[in-house]
Protein backbone atom coordinates (compact mmCIF):
# COMPACT_ATOMS: atom_id res chain seq x y z
CA MET A 1 14.72 -22.69 1.87
CA THR A 2 14.97 -20.61 4.92
CA ASN A 3 12.38 -17.78 5.42
CA PRO A 4 13.90 -14.41 5.19
CA LEU A 5 12.29 -13.38 8.54
CA ASP A 6 13.93 -16.43 10.18
CA LEU A 7 17.24 -15.44 8.66
CA LEU A 8 16.90 -11.91 10.01
CA ARG A 9 15.90 -13.28 13.34
CA LYS A 10 18.96 -15.48 13.47
CA HIS A 11 21.59 -13.30 11.76
CA GLY A 12 20.38 -9.74 12.11
CA ASP A 13 22.05 -7.34 14.44
CA PRO A 14 20.65 -6.64 17.91
CA LEU A 15 18.44 -3.77 16.84
CA GLU A 16 16.92 -5.77 13.95
CA GLN A 17 16.31 -8.78 16.38
CA ALA A 18 14.74 -6.32 18.90
CA ILE A 19 12.39 -4.92 16.21
CA LEU A 20 11.29 -8.38 15.26
CA HIS A 21 10.63 -9.29 18.91
CA ASP A 22 8.50 -6.16 19.44
CA PRO A 23 7.51 -4.85 15.99
CA HIS A 24 4.87 -2.35 17.13
CA GLY A 25 2.73 -3.14 13.99
CA LEU A 26 5.54 -3.30 11.49
CA GLU A 27 4.92 -6.95 10.51
CA SER A 28 4.14 -6.22 6.89
CA ILE A 29 7.16 -3.90 6.56
CA LEU A 30 9.46 -6.43 8.17
CA SER A 31 8.41 -9.03 5.61
CA VAL A 32 9.62 -7.08 2.66
CA TYR A 33 12.63 -5.52 4.57
CA SER A 34 13.80 -8.99 5.50
CA ALA A 35 13.44 -10.06 1.79
CA ILE A 36 15.78 -7.28 0.47
CA TRP A 37 18.13 -7.95 3.45
CA ALA A 38 18.33 -11.71 2.73
CA GLU A 39 18.69 -11.21 -1.02
CA GLN A 40 21.06 -8.19 -1.07
CA ILE A 41 22.59 -7.44 2.37
CA LEU A 42 23.28 -10.76 4.05
CA PRO A 43 25.24 -12.25 1.09
CA ARG A 44 27.49 -9.15 0.97
CA ARG A 45 28.38 -9.18 4.72
CA GLU A 46 31.91 -10.05 5.87
CA PRO A 47 31.98 -13.58 7.00
CA ALA A 48 32.99 -12.83 10.54
CA GLY A 49 30.81 -9.56 11.08
CA VAL A 50 28.08 -7.37 10.04
CA ASN A 51 30.06 -4.99 7.88
CA LEU A 52 29.54 -5.18 4.15
CA ILE A 53 32.41 -5.92 1.74
CA ASP A 54 31.25 -3.42 -0.84
CA ASP A 55 31.32 0.39 -0.21
CA GLU A 56 28.29 1.05 -2.47
CA TRP A 57 26.25 -1.54 -0.68
CA LEU A 58 27.38 -0.22 2.62
CA ARG A 59 25.74 3.07 1.60
CA ILE A 60 22.65 1.39 0.32
CA GLY A 61 22.40 -0.97 3.29
CA SER A 62 22.84 1.88 5.88
CA CYS A 63 20.00 3.87 4.41
CA HIS A 64 17.85 0.71 4.25
CA TYR A 65 18.61 -0.06 7.92
CA SER A 66 18.14 3.53 9.02
CA ALA A 67 14.67 3.60 7.36
CA LEU A 68 13.53 0.60 9.46
CA VAL A 69 15.03 1.86 12.71
CA ARG A 70 13.41 5.26 12.41
CA LEU A 71 10.07 3.83 11.38
CA HIS A 72 10.17 1.69 14.49
CA HIS A 73 10.95 4.80 16.49
CA ALA A 74 7.85 6.36 14.96
CA ALA A 75 5.75 3.23 15.82
CA SER A 76 7.01 3.24 19.36
CA SER A 77 5.93 6.93 19.69
CA ARG A 78 2.54 5.95 18.35
CA SER A 79 2.05 3.34 20.88
CA LEU A 80 3.19 5.61 23.74
CA ILE A 81 0.74 8.32 22.62
CA SER A 82 -2.09 5.89 22.84
CA SER A 83 -0.93 4.89 26.33
CA LEU A 84 -0.71 8.66 27.38
CA VAL A 85 -4.18 9.31 26.06
CA ARG A 86 -5.83 6.24 27.43
CA ASP A 87 -5.97 7.54 31.10
CA PHE A 88 -6.19 11.19 30.19
CA SER A 89 -8.39 13.38 32.38
CA GLY A 90 -9.66 16.87 31.79
CA ASP A 91 -10.21 17.02 35.60
CA TRP A 92 -6.55 17.13 36.38
CA ASP A 93 -5.06 20.21 37.94
CA ALA A 94 -2.93 22.56 35.85
CA ILE A 95 0.43 20.86 36.62
CA GLN A 96 -0.85 17.28 36.01
CA LEU A 97 -2.57 18.40 32.77
CA GLY A 98 0.39 20.41 31.56
CA THR A 99 2.75 17.61 32.29
CA ARG A 100 0.67 15.10 30.32
CA MET A 101 0.15 17.57 27.41
CA LEU A 102 3.91 18.16 27.17
CA GLN A 103 4.53 14.52 26.90
CA ILE A 104 1.93 14.16 24.05
CA HIS A 105 3.45 17.10 22.31
CA ARG A 106 6.88 15.61 22.49
CA GLU A 107 5.74 12.07 21.20
CA VAL A 108 3.71 13.62 18.40
CA ALA A 109 6.86 15.59 17.36
CA VAL A 110 8.98 12.47 17.47
CA PHE A 111 6.43 10.47 15.61
CA TRP A 112 6.53 12.87 12.52
CA GLU A 113 10.21 13.62 12.74
CA GLN A 114 10.94 9.80 12.50
CA ILE A 115 8.35 9.12 9.82
CA GLY A 116 9.76 11.86 7.62
CA SER A 117 13.34 10.66 8.18
CA ALA A 118 12.37 7.13 7.37
CA ILE A 119 10.78 8.14 4.18
CA GLU A 120 13.90 10.06 3.25
CA ASN A 121 16.27 7.23 4.15
CA LEU A 122 14.31 4.81 2.12
CA GLU A 123 14.34 7.14 -0.98
CA ASP A 124 18.16 7.46 -0.36
CA CYS A 125 18.47 3.60 -1.12
CA TRP A 126 17.57 4.34 -4.82
CA THR A 127 19.96 7.30 -4.88
CA GLU A 128 22.87 5.42 -3.44
CA ALA A 129 22.21 2.64 -6.02
CA GLY A 130 22.36 5.06 -8.92
CA LEU A 131 18.55 4.70 -9.53
CA ASP A 132 15.67 7.02 -9.75
CA ALA A 133 13.60 7.14 -6.58
CA PRO A 134 9.74 7.09 -7.15
CA ALA A 135 8.07 10.54 -6.86
CA ARG A 136 7.06 11.24 -3.38
CA ASN A 137 3.26 11.74 -3.21
CA GLY A 138 0.07 10.94 -1.18
CA ALA A 139 0.59 9.96 2.38
CA LEU A 140 4.51 9.99 2.04
CA GLU A 141 4.43 13.51 0.83
CA ASN A 142 2.12 14.55 3.68
CA GLY A 143 4.33 12.59 6.28
CA TYR A 144 7.48 14.40 5.03
CA ASP A 145 5.69 17.71 5.13
CA ARG A 146 4.69 17.06 8.79
CA ARG A 147 8.28 16.37 9.53
CA THR A 148 9.29 19.71 8.14
CA GLN A 149 6.43 21.44 10.01
CA PHE A 150 7.28 19.82 13.42
CA ILE A 151 11.05 20.42 13.12
CA HIS A 152 11.21 23.94 11.50
CA TYR A 153 8.11 25.89 12.44
CA ARG A 154 5.99 26.82 15.49
CA ILE A 155 4.47 23.96 17.51
CA VAL A 156 1.07 22.72 16.48
CA PRO A 157 -1.24 23.55 19.38
CA LEU A 158 -3.18 20.80 21.05
CA THR A 159 -6.26 21.30 23.10
CA SER A 160 -7.55 19.20 25.95
CA GLY A 161 -11.13 17.87 26.15
CA MET A 162 -12.23 14.23 26.73
CA GLU A 163 -8.86 13.63 25.13
CA PRO A 164 -6.31 15.76 23.38
CA GLU A 165 -7.48 17.26 20.12
CA VAL A 166 -5.67 18.86 17.18
CA ASP A 167 -7.03 21.28 14.54
CA LEU A 168 -6.49 19.61 11.24
CA SER A 169 -6.56 22.91 9.41
CA TYR A 170 -3.02 23.51 10.69
CA PHE A 171 -1.88 20.92 8.18
CA ASP A 172 -3.11 22.68 5.19
CA SER A 173 0.43 24.07 5.07
CA LYS A 174 3.87 22.99 5.94
CA GLN A 175 4.13 26.19 8.09
CA THR A 176 2.29 26.63 11.41
CA VAL A 177 0.30 29.79 11.66
CA TRP A 178 -1.69 30.05 14.96
CA LYS A 179 -5.34 30.79 14.80
CA ARG A 180 -7.79 32.28 17.21
CA HIS A 181 -10.55 29.86 16.29
CA THR A 182 -10.67 26.12 15.76
CA GLY A 183 -11.33 24.94 12.24
CA LYS A 184 -11.43 21.20 12.03
CA PRO A 185 -10.89 19.58 15.49
CA GLU A 186 -10.06 15.90 15.75
CA TRP A 187 -8.94 13.57 18.44
CA ILE A 188 -5.17 13.18 18.37
CA THR A 189 -5.26 9.43 18.34
CA ARG A 190 -7.97 9.16 15.60
CA TRP A 191 -5.85 11.54 13.40
CA LEU A 192 -2.59 9.75 13.91
CA GLU A 193 -4.12 6.28 13.33
CA GLY A 194 -5.70 7.38 10.13
CA GLU A 195 -2.32 8.91 8.89
CA TRP A 196 -0.42 5.76 10.11
CA VAL A 197 -2.50 3.31 8.09
CA LYS A 198 -2.04 5.31 4.94
CA ILE A 199 1.68 5.87 5.41
CA ILE A 200 2.32 2.09 6.12
CA ALA A 201 0.38 1.06 3.05
CA GLN A 202 2.49 3.36 0.81
CA LEU A 203 5.67 2.38 2.54
CA ILE A 204 4.97 -1.34 1.77
CA ASP A 205 4.48 -0.56 -1.90
CA ALA A 206 7.64 1.54 -1.81
CA TRP A 207 9.72 -1.17 -0.14
CA SER A 208 8.39 -3.79 -2.70
CA ARG A 209 9.31 -1.48 -5.51
CA LEU A 210 12.77 -1.05 -4.08
CA ARG A 211 13.17 -4.79 -3.92
CA SER A 212 12.12 -5.11 -7.63
CA ASP A 213 14.38 -2.31 -8.75
CA LEU A 214 17.37 -3.71 -6.85
CA SER A 215 16.84 -7.16 -8.19
CA ILE A 216 16.90 -5.90 -11.83
CA ARG A 217 19.70 -3.32 -11.61
CA LYS A 218 21.70 -4.79 -8.83
CA PRO A 219 21.66 -8.52 -9.19
CA GLN A 220 22.45 -10.71 -6.18
CA PRO A 221 26.13 -11.64 -5.78
CA THR A 222 27.21 -14.95 -7.33
CA GLN A 223 29.48 -15.73 -4.27
CA ARG A 224 27.24 -16.11 -1.28
CA ILE A 225 28.31 -16.50 2.27
CA GLU A 226 27.70 -19.87 3.74
CA LEU A 227 25.37 -19.76 6.75
CA THR A 228 25.25 -23.26 8.15
CA GLY A 229 23.91 -24.55 4.89
CA GLU A 230 20.98 -22.30 4.68
CA GLN A 231 19.77 -21.16 1.23
CA VAL A 232 19.54 -17.37 1.03
CA SER A 233 18.57 -16.93 -2.67
CA GLY A 234 15.27 -17.35 -4.36
CA VAL A 235 12.94 -15.51 -1.93
CA PRO A 236 9.64 -15.18 -3.75
CA PHE A 237 8.93 -11.64 -4.98
CA ALA A 238 5.59 -10.08 -4.12
CA PRO A 239 4.72 -6.97 -6.18
CA PRO A 240 3.22 -3.80 -4.60
CA SER A 241 -0.47 -4.15 -3.66
CA GLY A 242 -3.14 -3.67 -6.36
CA THR A 243 -0.70 -4.15 -9.19
CA GLU A 244 -1.27 -7.54 -10.95
CA ASP A 245 1.26 -6.89 -13.81
CA PHE A 246 3.81 -4.81 -11.90
CA LEU A 247 6.79 -3.28 -13.69
CA PRO A 248 9.41 -0.97 -12.10
CA PRO A 249 8.98 2.63 -13.12
CA SER A 250 10.46 3.41 -16.62
CA GLY A 251 13.00 5.83 -15.14
CA VAL A 252 15.10 2.96 -13.79
CA PHE A 253 16.00 1.51 -17.21
């Protein structure tokens, strides 16, 4: 039986193959993404192309694909922020300092915009399949709120010291209200890394739940595309972490 990651590496489109080549820390996400792709998307592709033969699955598949691409955009911005901070110096002149701070501002905004969009795209997979999406909570709710904040409200000010800092009290609300005094300063990289770890953990669980829900309500097609004799069906299912006896949420039945 062919591993789903190997199938995606061989038969995925150029963006999927590029993400596999340089995953920026998305290896666990790619594992469950490729399982859904191998079970549900690949068998429904046109024999001579990447389009899907079913309109409903074209909508589901496009949301699933968009979630991965946008999450990779966020991961790329996370890596770039680390690079921009690595050689940061508070001794630069105003132009040097301002130029670097502008770059960091831009990438932090891109990071949250793409995180929030990926969360929404993944939830849309349930909607397009006619299923109830799990309630957004925890790190995913916070991630989506930061998207709203960075897109729609004032910029969140960053300050420069040994490395750029952010006042965490600005995230007590989705709206940015500037303050004269710092409340809870934190290094920008430490803040982003902590949030990233929590978001990825919840996204892995969400993707695993999506796989289970689709397998129950949207069974794999009986007619499967032949791919040089490779077996696509029967990829083992891994339930979300921390759930020994996993069942999909009752709302999907």
